[in-house]
Amino acid sequence: MNDRRDVTSRVFGKMKGGSMSLYLDQNEIGQIRFTNQGNMYEMAEGFEFDADKIYKREKPAEIPNPTKYVDECDKGWC
């Protein structure tokens, strides 16, 4: 499952022709195209637009499965 983090306050836009390019830390993360039917949001992979906010999807840190739970278990119950 992916977690997502709100990055809206860190995103800025630059007008390019009839659309606005969206940037996060100098990297382009999407575009807003202005049409007669309304704004169309195109986000780069790993980003999403939802309820007027921009989110960055992140994979949660994986916790490795231990190969064994205890050392020197010779009683047969551990």
Protein backbone atom coordinates (compact mmCIF):
# COMPACT_ATOMS: atom_id res chain seq x y z
CA MET A 1 0.00 0.00 0.00
CA ASN A 2 1.22 3.49 -0.80
CA ASP A 3 1.15 6.40 1.61
CA ARG A 4 0.73 9.93 0.35
CA ARG A 5 2.07 13.22 1.64
CA ASP A 6 0.51 16.66 1.03
CA VAL A 7 3.06 18.78 -0.88
CA THR A 8 0.65 21.52 -2.01
CA SER A 9 2.42 24.33 -0.14
CA ARG A 10 5.73 23.48 -1.86
CA VAL A 11 4.37 23.41 -5.43
CA PHE A 12 4.66 26.41 -7.75
CA GLY A 13 3.49 26.99 -11.32
CA LYS A 14 4.88 28.56 -14.49
CA MET A 15 2.71 29.52 -17.45
CA LYS A 16 3.68 27.81 -20.71
CA GLY A 17 1.42 28.62 -23.63
CA GLY A 18 -2.13 27.65 -22.73
CA SER A 19 -1.20 25.59 -19.70
CA MET A 20 0.57 25.89 -16.37
CA SER A 21 3.46 23.57 -15.53
CA LEU A 22 3.65 22.52 -11.88
CA TYR A 23 7.00 22.16 -10.10
CA LEU A 24 8.21 20.70 -6.83
CA ASP A 25 11.85 21.39 -5.91
CA GLN A 26 12.69 22.44 -9.49
CA ASN A 27 11.24 19.18 -10.93
CA GLU A 28 8.18 19.31 -13.17
CA ILE A 29 5.46 17.18 -11.59
CA GLY A 30 2.43 17.99 -13.74
CA GLN A 31 0.41 20.42 -15.79
CA ILE A 32 -2.91 22.19 -15.61
CA ARG A 33 -4.54 22.62 -19.02
CA PHE A 34 -7.18 25.31 -19.22
CA THR A 35 -10.10 24.26 -21.46
CA ASN A 36 -13.68 25.35 -22.09
CA GLN A 37 -14.81 22.26 -20.15
CA GLY A 38 -12.74 23.28 -17.11
CA ASN A 39 -9.23 22.67 -15.86
CA MET A 40 -7.59 19.34 -16.70
CA TYR A 41 -4.88 18.13 -14.33
CA GLU A 42 -2.13 15.85 -15.65
CA MET A 43 0.21 14.67 -12.92
CA ALA A 44 3.54 12.86 -13.26
CA GLU A 45 3.89 9.32 -11.95
CA GLY A 46 4.00 9.34 -8.16
CA PHE A 47 1.83 12.47 -7.80
CA GLU A 48 -1.93 12.99 -7.63
CA PHE A 49 -4.38 15.87 -7.47
CA ASP A 50 -7.30 15.35 -5.08
CA ALA A 51 -9.71 17.83 -3.45
CA ASP A 52 -7.66 20.88 -4.50
CA LYS A 53 -4.45 19.45 -3.03
CA ILE A 54 -1.36 17.87 -4.58
CA TYR A 55 -0.02 14.68 -3.03
CA LYS A 56 3.20 12.76 -3.48
CA ARG A 57 2.75 9.00 -3.19
CA GLU A 58 5.45 7.22 -1.24
CA LYS A 59 6.08 3.57 -0.59
CA PRO A 60 6.25 2.83 3.12
CA ALA A 61 9.59 1.64 4.40
CA GLU A 62 9.74 -2.12 4.27
CA ILE A 63 10.51 -3.90 7.50
CA PRO A 64 12.59 -6.98 6.81
CA ASN A 65 11.24 -10.28 8.09
CA PRO A 66 13.63 -11.82 10.59
CA THR A 67 15.02 -15.23 9.69
CA LYS A 68 14.70 -16.29 13.30
CA TYR A 69 13.08 -14.79 16.36
CA VAL A 70 15.40 -16.04 19.10
CA ASP A 71 18.92 -17.36 19.34
CA GLU A 72 19.94 -20.65 20.90
CA CYS A 73 16.44 -22.05 21.22
CA ASP A 74 16.83 -25.69 22.18
CA LYS A 75 13.64 -26.19 24.19
CA GLY A 76 11.44 -26.60 21.10
CA TRP A 77 8.79 -24.11 22.24
CA CYS A 78 10.25 -20.87 20.85
